[in-house]
Amino acid sequence: MLIIFAGLSGCGKTAIAAELARRLGALYLRIDSIEQAIRDSGMSSKSVGDAGYCVGYAVAEDNLRLGRTVIADSVNPLQLTRNAWMDVAHRASVRGVEVEIVCSDRNVHRQRVETRSTNIPGLRLPTWAEVIARPYEPWAREHIVIDTTIRTVTESVDKLLRALQK
């Protein structure tokens, strides 16, 4: 199975995706880590975003073909990238499940963005202004939505595990 996470920065998706990967023993692909490694390599920064997603798609497909469950963690803001992840699942002949993580309380979301840190050396986290200015297209198909305003990481993962069994 390919579990495709999406959501604005600071909504809690990385904490949930990582915990879900730990509990499932799944391969965890964090696009932020891939993109930062590309930046660290000295590659032109203007193409890092596209390259990061393309690397993620390839690594996901390789591991899906080996029978692994893969969790893809990224902002995934465009229908184009969401479709590309689903194409990976189709090519590997596995189920693709899309999960959108939201923080419906704007004040809570802002506080999280402004106070969080990262465990990826060199990664510059976006500011609140950058988070709210980022293009984020509405969803065109059914997907699982988890609101982290009202749930802890553990509660969110538990809810997600129940939804994945359907």
Foldseek 3Di string as FASTA:
>chain_A
DEEEEAEFPQLCQVVLLVVLCVVVVAAEAELLQQLVVCVVVVPDNVCSNVVSLVVVLVVCLVVVLVVGYYYYDDNQQDPVSVVSNVVSCVVSVHDYAYEYGAAPPLVSSQVSQVPDDDPRPPDDGDHPVCRVPDHGDDDDDDHHYHHPNPDDSVRRNVVVVVVVVD
